[in-house]
Amino acid sequence: MSIETDTAADVDGDRVDELATEFGEAIAELPVYQRFEAAKDAVENHEEAQEAIQEFEQIREEFMLARQTGQASQEDLRTVQQKQEELHDIPVMSDYLQAQNELELRLQELNEVVSEELAVDFGQKAGGCCED
């Protein structure tokens, strides 16, 4: 490759990096992203939600360990599901989950727009093997 080609590739790469930065900044300015960030902050600063998250995570982890050893019961599963429902019933957590879902839908739409120009799904990892 000649020096001219390398320089042109560097300039093109720099422009792509600039566009990617602008794209990320534009996403961060979307109202759906702002709602997500506000809901996330609310959950992180809500004592009841944080306690419920910790309790749920502990119960879920215990269930996963029991399942790996074949000792998990249907009652254990129901307990995990009940704790998850209790967590989701906390208003700030419910708001967070809704905002997260709306953001994921918008990001999927953006992924589809970008992917139209590419031979791979932009939002997925491009691996060395083909996917069926």
N, C-alpha and C. Protein backbone atom coordinates (compact mmCIF):
# COMPACT_ATOMS: atom_id res chain seq x y z
N MET A 1 0.84 -1.17 0.00
CA MET A 1 0.00 0.00 0.00
C MET A 1 0.89 1.24 0.00
N SER A 2 0.50 2.23 -0.74
CA SER A 2 1.31 3.44 -0.81
C SER A 2 1.02 4.34 0.37
N ILE A 3 1.88 5.30 0.57
CA ILE A 3 1.69 6.26 1.65
C ILE A 3 0.42 7.06 1.42
N GLU A 4 0.13 7.41 0.17
CA GLU A 4 -1.07 8.16 -0.15
C GLU A 4 -2.33 7.39 0.25
N THR A 5 -2.35 6.09 -0.03
CA THR A 5 -3.49 5.25 0.31
C THR A 5 -3.64 5.14 1.82
N ASP A 6 -2.52 4.96 2.52
CA ASP A 6 -2.56 4.90 3.98
C ASP A 6 -3.11 6.19 4.55
N THR A 7 -2.69 7.32 4.04
CA THR A 7 -3.15 8.61 4.53
C THR A 7 -4.64 8.77 4.25
N ALA A 8 -5.08 8.39 3.08
CA ALA A 8 -6.51 8.47 2.74
C ALA A 8 -7.33 7.57 3.66
N ALA A 9 -6.81 6.38 3.95
CA ALA A 9 -7.52 5.46 4.85
C ALA A 9 -7.59 6.05 6.25
N ASP A 10 -6.50 6.69 6.70
CA ASP A 10 -6.50 7.32 8.02
C ASP A 10 -7.53 8.45 8.09
N VAL A 11 -7.60 9.26 7.03
CA VAL A 11 -8.57 10.36 6.98
C VAL A 11 -9.97 9.79 7.00
N ASP A 12 -10.23 8.75 6.19
CA ASP A 12 -11.55 8.11 6.18
C ASP A 12 -11.88 7.53 7.55
N GLY A 13 -10.88 6.88 8.17
CA GLY A 13 -11.09 6.31 9.51
C GLY A 13 -11.37 7.38 10.53
N ASP A 14 -10.66 8.50 10.42
CA ASP A 14 -10.90 9.61 11.34
C ASP A 14 -12.32 10.15 11.18
N ARG A 15 -12.79 10.25 9.94
CA ARG A 15 -14.14 10.75 9.68
C ARG A 15 -15.19 9.79 10.24
N VAL A 16 -14.96 8.50 10.09
CA VAL A 16 -15.88 7.51 10.64
C VAL A 16 -15.91 7.63 12.16
N ASP A 17 -14.74 7.81 12.77
CA ASP A 17 -14.68 8.00 14.23
C ASP A 17 -15.45 9.24 14.66
N GLU A 18 -15.31 10.32 13.90
CA GLU A 18 -16.03 11.55 14.20
C GLU A 18 -17.54 11.33 14.09
N LEU A 19 -17.96 10.66 13.03
CA LEU A 19 -19.38 10.38 12.85
C LEU A 19 -19.92 9.48 13.96
N ALA A 20 -19.13 8.50 14.37
CA ALA A 20 -19.55 7.61 15.45
C ALA A 20 -19.72 8.40 16.75
N THR A 21 -18.80 9.33 17.01
CA THR A 21 -18.90 10.16 18.20
C THR A 21 -20.15 11.03 18.14
N GLU A 22 -20.39 11.64 16.97
CA GLU A 22 -21.59 12.47 16.79
C GLU A 22 -22.86 11.63 16.95
N PHE A 23 -22.84 10.42 16.44
CA PHE A 23 -23.98 9.51 16.56
C PHE A 23 -24.26 9.21 18.03
N GLY A 24 -23.21 8.88 18.78
CA GLY A 24 -23.37 8.61 20.21
C GLY A 24 -23.90 9.83 20.95
N GLU A 25 -23.38 11.00 20.63
CA GLU A 25 -23.85 12.23 21.26
C GLU A 25 -25.31 12.50 20.92
N ALA A 26 -25.69 12.24 19.67
CA ALA A 26 -27.08 12.44 19.25
C ALA A 26 -28.01 11.49 19.99
N ILE A 27 -27.58 10.25 20.18
CA ILE A 27 -28.38 9.28 20.93
C ILE A 27 -28.55 9.76 22.37
N ALA A 28 -27.49 10.25 22.96
CA ALA A 28 -27.55 10.73 24.35
C ALA A 28 -28.49 11.92 24.51
N GLU A 29 -28.76 12.64 23.42
CA GLU A 29 -29.67 13.79 23.47
C GLU A 29 -31.12 13.41 23.19
N LEU A 30 -31.38 12.18 22.77
CA LEU A 30 -32.75 11.75 22.50
C LEU A 30 -33.58 11.80 23.78
N PRO A 31 -34.82 12.26 23.70
CA PRO A 31 -35.68 12.26 24.89
C PRO A 31 -35.84 10.87 25.51
N VAL A 32 -35.90 9.82 24.69
CA VAL A 32 -36.05 8.46 25.22
C VAL A 32 -34.82 8.07 26.03
N TYR A 33 -33.64 8.52 25.61
CA TYR A 33 -32.41 8.24 26.37
C TYR A 33 -32.40 9.06 27.65
N GLN A 34 -32.82 10.29 27.58
CA GLN A 34 -32.86 11.15 28.77
C GLN A 34 -33.82 10.57 29.82
N ARG A 35 -34.97 10.06 29.36
CA ARG A 35 -35.92 9.42 30.29
C ARG A 35 -35.29 8.19 30.93
N PHE A 36 -34.57 7.41 30.14
CA PHE A 36 -33.91 6.23 30.67
C PHE A 36 -32.90 6.62 31.75
N GLU A 37 -32.06 7.60 31.46
CA GLU A 37 -31.06 8.04 32.43
C GLU A 37 -31.70 8.54 33.72
N ALA A 38 -32.78 9.31 33.59
CA ALA A 38 -33.48 9.82 34.78
C ALA A 38 -34.08 8.67 35.59
N ALA A 39 -34.66 7.70 34.90
CA ALA A 39 -35.25 6.55 35.60
C ALA A 39 -34.17 5.71 36.26
N LYS A 40 -33.04 5.55 35.60
CA LYS A 40 -31.92 4.80 36.17
C LYS A 40 -31.40 5.49 37.43
N ASP A 41 -31.24 6.81 37.37
CA ASP A 41 -30.80 7.57 38.54
C ASP A 41 -31.80 7.43 39.69
N ALA A 42 -33.09 7.46 39.36
CA ALA A 42 -34.12 7.33 40.39
C ALA A 42 -34.02 5.99 41.10
N VAL A 43 -33.80 4.92 40.34
CA VAL A 43 -33.66 3.58 40.93
C VAL A 43 -32.40 3.52 41.79
N GLU A 44 -31.31 4.06 41.28
CA GLU A 44 -30.04 4.00 42.01
C GLU A 44 -30.09 4.78 43.32
N ASN A 45 -30.96 5.78 43.39
CA ASN A 45 -31.06 6.61 44.59
C ASN A 45 -32.28 6.29 45.45
N HIS A 46 -32.94 5.18 45.16
CA HIS A 46 -34.16 4.79 45.89
C HIS A 46 -33.80 3.63 46.81
N GLU A 47 -33.83 3.88 48.10
CA GLU A 47 -33.39 2.88 49.08
C GLU A 47 -34.19 1.59 49.00
N GLU A 48 -35.51 1.70 48.92
CA GLU A 48 -36.35 0.49 48.86
C GLU A 48 -36.03 -0.32 47.61
N ALA A 49 -35.86 0.34 46.48
CA ALA A 49 -35.54 -0.37 45.25
C ALA A 49 -34.19 -1.06 45.35
N GLN A 50 -33.21 -0.38 45.90
CA GLN A 50 -31.88 -0.98 46.03
C GLN A 50 -31.89 -2.20 46.96
N GLU A 51 -32.63 -2.11 48.04
CA GLU A 51 -32.76 -3.27 48.94
C GLU A 51 -33.46 -4.43 48.23
N ALA A 52 -34.50 -4.12 47.49
CA ALA A 52 -35.24 -5.17 46.77
C ALA A 52 -34.37 -5.80 45.67
N ILE A 53 -33.56 -4.99 45.01
CA ILE A 53 -32.65 -5.52 43.99
C ILE A 53 -31.66 -6.47 44.62
N GLN A 54 -31.07 -6.07 45.73
CA GLN A 54 -30.09 -6.92 46.41
C GLN A 54 -30.73 -8.22 46.88
N GLU A 55 -31.92 -8.13 47.43
CA GLU A 55 -32.62 -9.33 47.90
C GLU A 55 -32.94 -10.26 46.72
N PHE A 56 -33.45 -9.69 45.64
CA PHE A 56 -33.76 -10.49 44.46
C PHE A 56 -32.51 -11.15 43.91
N GLU A 57 -31.43 -10.40 43.77
CA GLU A 57 -30.19 -10.96 43.23
C GLU A 57 -29.66 -12.10 44.09
N GLN A 58 -29.76 -11.96 45.40
CA GLN A 58 -29.30 -13.02 46.30
C GLN A 58 -30.15 -14.28 46.12
N ILE A 59 -31.46 -14.12 46.09
CA ILE A 59 -32.36 -15.26 45.92
C ILE A 59 -32.16 -15.91 44.56
N ARG A 60 -31.99 -15.08 43.53
CA ARG A 60 -31.78 -15.61 42.18
C ARG A 60 -30.46 -16.38 42.10
N GLU A 61 -29.43 -15.84 42.70
CA GLU A 61 -28.13 -16.52 42.69
C GLU A 61 -28.21 -17.86 43.43
N GLU A 62 -28.88 -17.88 44.56
CA GLU A 62 -29.06 -19.14 45.30
C GLU A 62 -29.83 -20.15 44.46
N PHE A 63 -30.86 -19.67 43.76
CA PHE A 63 -31.64 -20.55 42.90
C PHE A 63 -30.78 -21.12 41.77
N MET A 64 -29.97 -20.27 41.15
CA MET A 64 -29.13 -20.72 40.05
C MET A 64 -28.13 -21.78 40.52
N LEU A 65 -27.57 -21.58 41.69
CA LEU A 65 -26.65 -22.58 42.24
C LEU A 65 -27.37 -23.89 42.53
N ALA A 66 -28.56 -23.79 43.10
CA ALA A 66 -29.35 -24.99 43.39
C ALA A 66 -29.73 -25.71 42.10
N ARG A 67 -30.03 -24.95 41.08
CA ARG A 67 -30.40 -25.55 39.79
C ARG A 67 -29.21 -26.28 39.17
N GLN A 68 -28.02 -25.71 39.30
CA GLN A 68 -26.83 -26.35 38.76
C GLN A 68 -26.54 -27.68 39.44
N THR A 69 -26.88 -27.78 40.70
CA THR A 69 -26.62 -29.02 41.44
C THR A 69 -27.83 -29.94 41.45
N GLY A 70 -28.90 -29.54 40.74
CA GLY A 70 -30.09 -30.38 40.67
C GLY A 70 -30.95 -30.33 41.92
N GLN A 71 -30.75 -29.33 42.77
CA GLN A 71 -31.49 -29.24 44.02
C GLN A 71 -32.58 -28.18 44.01
N ALA A 72 -32.80 -27.52 42.90
CA ALA A 72 -33.82 -26.48 42.82
C ALA A 72 -35.19 -27.12 42.68
N SER A 73 -36.14 -26.55 43.38
CA SER A 73 -37.51 -27.05 43.33
C SER A 73 -38.41 -26.04 42.63
N GLN A 74 -39.62 -26.46 42.35
CA GLN A 74 -40.62 -25.56 41.77
C GLN A 74 -40.93 -24.44 42.75
N GLU A 75 -40.92 -24.76 44.02
CA GLU A 75 -41.17 -23.74 45.05
C GLU A 75 -40.06 -22.68 45.02
N ASP A 76 -38.82 -23.13 44.82
CA ASP A 76 -37.70 -22.18 44.70
C ASP A 76 -37.90 -21.25 43.50
N LEU A 77 -38.34 -21.81 42.40
CA LEU A 77 -38.60 -21.01 41.20
C LEU A 77 -39.71 -20.00 41.46
N ARG A 78 -40.78 -20.45 42.13
CA ARG A 78 -41.88 -19.54 42.45
C ARG A 78 -41.40 -18.41 43.35
N THR A 79 -40.50 -18.71 44.27
CA THR A 79 -39.96 -17.67 45.16
C THR A 79 -39.19 -16.62 44.36
N VAL A 80 -38.37 -17.08 43.43
CA VAL A 80 -37.62 -16.15 42.58
C VAL A 80 -38.59 -15.29 41.77
N GLN A 81 -39.60 -15.90 41.19
CA GLN A 81 -40.56 -15.16 40.38
C GLN A 81 -41.34 -14.15 41.23
N GLN A 82 -41.71 -14.57 42.45
CA GLN A 82 -42.43 -13.67 43.34
C GLN A 82 -41.58 -12.46 43.72
N LYS A 83 -40.32 -12.69 44.03
CA LYS A 83 -39.41 -11.59 44.38
C LYS A 83 -39.21 -10.66 43.20
N GLN A 84 -39.15 -11.23 42.00
CA GLN A 84 -39.00 -10.40 40.81
C GLN A 84 -40.25 -9.54 40.60
N GLU A 85 -41.40 -10.12 40.78
CA GLU A 85 -42.65 -9.36 40.65
C GLU A 85 -42.72 -8.25 41.68
N GLU A 86 -42.32 -8.54 42.92
CA GLU A 86 -42.31 -7.52 43.97
C GLU A 86 -41.36 -6.38 43.60
N LEU A 87 -40.21 -6.73 43.05
CA LEU A 87 -39.24 -5.73 42.61
C LEU A 87 -39.84 -4.86 41.51
N HIS A 88 -40.46 -5.49 40.54
CA HIS A 88 -41.03 -4.76 39.41
C HIS A 88 -42.24 -3.93 39.80
N ASP A 89 -42.88 -4.25 40.92
CA ASP A 89 -44.04 -3.49 41.39
C ASP A 89 -43.65 -2.19 42.08
N ILE A 90 -42.39 -2.01 42.41
CA ILE A 90 -41.95 -0.75 43.00
C ILE A 90 -42.03 0.30 41.89
N PRO A 91 -42.76 1.39 42.10
CA PRO A 91 -42.99 2.36 41.02
C PRO A 91 -41.73 2.85 40.30
N VAL A 92 -40.66 3.17 41.02
CA VAL A 92 -39.45 3.66 40.33
C VAL A 92 -38.83 2.56 39.48
N MET A 93 -38.95 1.31 39.93
CA MET A 93 -38.41 0.20 39.16
C MET A 93 -39.26 -0.05 37.92
N SER A 94 -40.56 0.04 38.07
CA SER A 94 -41.46 -0.12 36.94
C SER A 94 -41.19 0.96 35.89
N ASP A 95 -41.01 2.20 36.34
CA ASP A 95 -40.69 3.30 35.43
C ASP A 95 -39.37 3.04 34.71
N TYR A 96 -38.38 2.55 35.45
CA TYR A 96 -37.07 2.25 34.87
C TYR A 96 -37.19 1.17 33.79
N LEU A 97 -37.91 0.10 34.08
CA LEU A 97 -38.06 -0.99 33.12
C LEU A 97 -38.78 -0.53 31.87
N GLN A 98 -39.78 0.33 32.02
CA GLN A 98 -40.49 0.86 30.85
C GLN A 98 -39.55 1.74 30.03
N ALA A 99 -38.80 2.61 30.69
CA ALA A 99 -37.86 3.49 29.99
C ALA A 99 -36.78 2.67 29.30
N GLN A 100 -36.31 1.61 29.94
CA GLN A 100 -35.30 0.74 29.35
C GLN A 100 -35.85 0.06 28.09
N ASN A 101 -37.06 -0.42 28.17
CA ASN A 101 -37.70 -1.08 27.02
C ASN A 101 -37.86 -0.10 25.85
N GLU A 102 -38.30 1.12 26.14
CA GLU A 102 -38.48 2.12 25.09
C GLU A 102 -37.13 2.47 24.45
N LEU A 103 -36.08 2.59 25.25
CA LEU A 103 -34.75 2.88 24.72
C LEU A 103 -34.26 1.73 23.85
N GLU A 104 -34.44 0.50 24.32
CA GLU A 104 -34.01 -0.66 23.53
C GLU A 104 -34.72 -0.71 22.18
N LEU A 105 -36.00 -0.38 22.16
CA LEU A 105 -36.74 -0.36 20.89
C LEU A 105 -36.19 0.71 19.95
N ARG A 106 -35.89 1.89 20.48
CA ARG A 106 -35.34 2.96 19.65
C ARG A 106 -33.95 2.59 19.14
N LEU A 107 -33.13 1.99 19.99
CA LEU A 107 -31.79 1.57 19.56
C LEU A 107 -31.88 0.49 18.49
N GLN A 108 -32.86 -0.38 18.59
CA GLN A 108 -33.06 -1.41 17.56
C GLN A 108 -33.43 -0.76 16.23
N GLU A 109 -34.27 0.26 16.28
CA GLU A 109 -34.62 0.98 15.06
C GLU A 109 -33.37 1.61 14.43
N LEU A 110 -32.53 2.22 15.26
CA LEU A 110 -31.29 2.82 14.76
C LEU A 110 -30.35 1.76 14.21
N ASN A 111 -30.29 0.62 14.88
CA ASN A 111 -29.48 -0.49 14.40
C ASN A 111 -29.91 -0.91 12.99
N GLU A 112 -31.20 -0.98 12.78
CA GLU A 112 -31.71 -1.38 11.46
C GLU A 112 -31.33 -0.36 10.39
N VAL A 113 -31.37 0.92 10.72
CA VAL A 113 -31.00 1.96 9.76
C VAL A 113 -29.54 1.82 9.38
N VAL A 114 -28.66 1.66 10.38
CA VAL A 114 -27.24 1.52 10.10
C VAL A 114 -26.96 0.22 9.37
N SER A 115 -27.61 -0.86 9.79
CA SER A 115 -27.36 -2.18 9.21
C SER A 115 -27.76 -2.27 7.74
N GLU A 116 -28.69 -1.42 7.31
CA GLU A 116 -29.09 -1.43 5.90
C GLU A 116 -27.90 -1.17 4.98
N GLU A 117 -26.92 -0.44 5.49
CA GLU A 117 -25.74 -0.09 4.69
C GLU A 117 -24.61 -1.11 4.82
N LEU A 118 -24.74 -2.03 5.73
CA LEU A 118 -23.67 -2.99 6.02
C LEU A 118 -24.07 -4.40 5.66
N ALA A 119 -23.08 -5.27 5.56
CA ALA A 119 -23.35 -6.68 5.28
C ALA A 119 -23.54 -7.47 6.57
N VAL A 120 -23.46 -6.80 7.72
CA VAL A 120 -23.65 -7.46 9.01
C VAL A 120 -24.63 -6.64 9.83
N ASP A 121 -25.20 -7.27 10.83
CA ASP A 121 -26.07 -6.58 11.76
C ASP A 121 -25.20 -5.71 12.65
N PHE A 122 -25.33 -4.40 12.53
CA PHE A 122 -24.48 -3.46 13.25
C PHE A 122 -24.52 -3.69 14.76
N GLY A 123 -25.68 -4.02 15.29
CA GLY A 123 -25.85 -4.19 16.73
C GLY A 123 -25.36 -5.52 17.25
N GLN A 124 -25.05 -6.46 16.39
CA GLN A 124 -24.57 -7.77 16.80
C GLN A 124 -23.07 -7.83 16.62
N LYS A 125 -22.44 -8.74 17.32
CA LYS A 125 -21.01 -8.94 17.13
C LYS A 125 -20.79 -9.61 15.77
N ALA A 126 -19.87 -9.08 15.03
CA ALA A 126 -19.47 -9.72 13.77
C ALA A 126 -18.41 -10.74 14.10
N GLY A 127 -18.73 -12.01 13.94
CA GLY A 127 -17.77 -13.06 14.30
C GLY A 127 -17.14 -13.68 13.07
N GLY A 128 -16.25 -14.60 13.31
CA GLY A 128 -15.55 -15.28 12.23
C GLY A 128 -16.38 -16.37 11.59
N CYS A 129 -17.44 -16.78 12.24
CA CYS A 129 -18.26 -17.87 11.72
C CYS A 129 -19.61 -17.33 11.25
N CYS A 130 -20.21 -18.06 10.37
CA CYS A 130 -21.52 -17.68 9.87
C CYS A 130 -22.58 -18.08 10.87
N GLU A 131 -23.64 -17.28 10.95
CA GLU A 131 -24.77 -17.61 11.81
C GLU A 131 -25.91 -18.10 10.95
N ASP A 132 -26.63 -19.09 11.45
CA ASP A 132 -27.80 -19.60 10.72
C ASP A 132 -29.02 -18.78 11.03
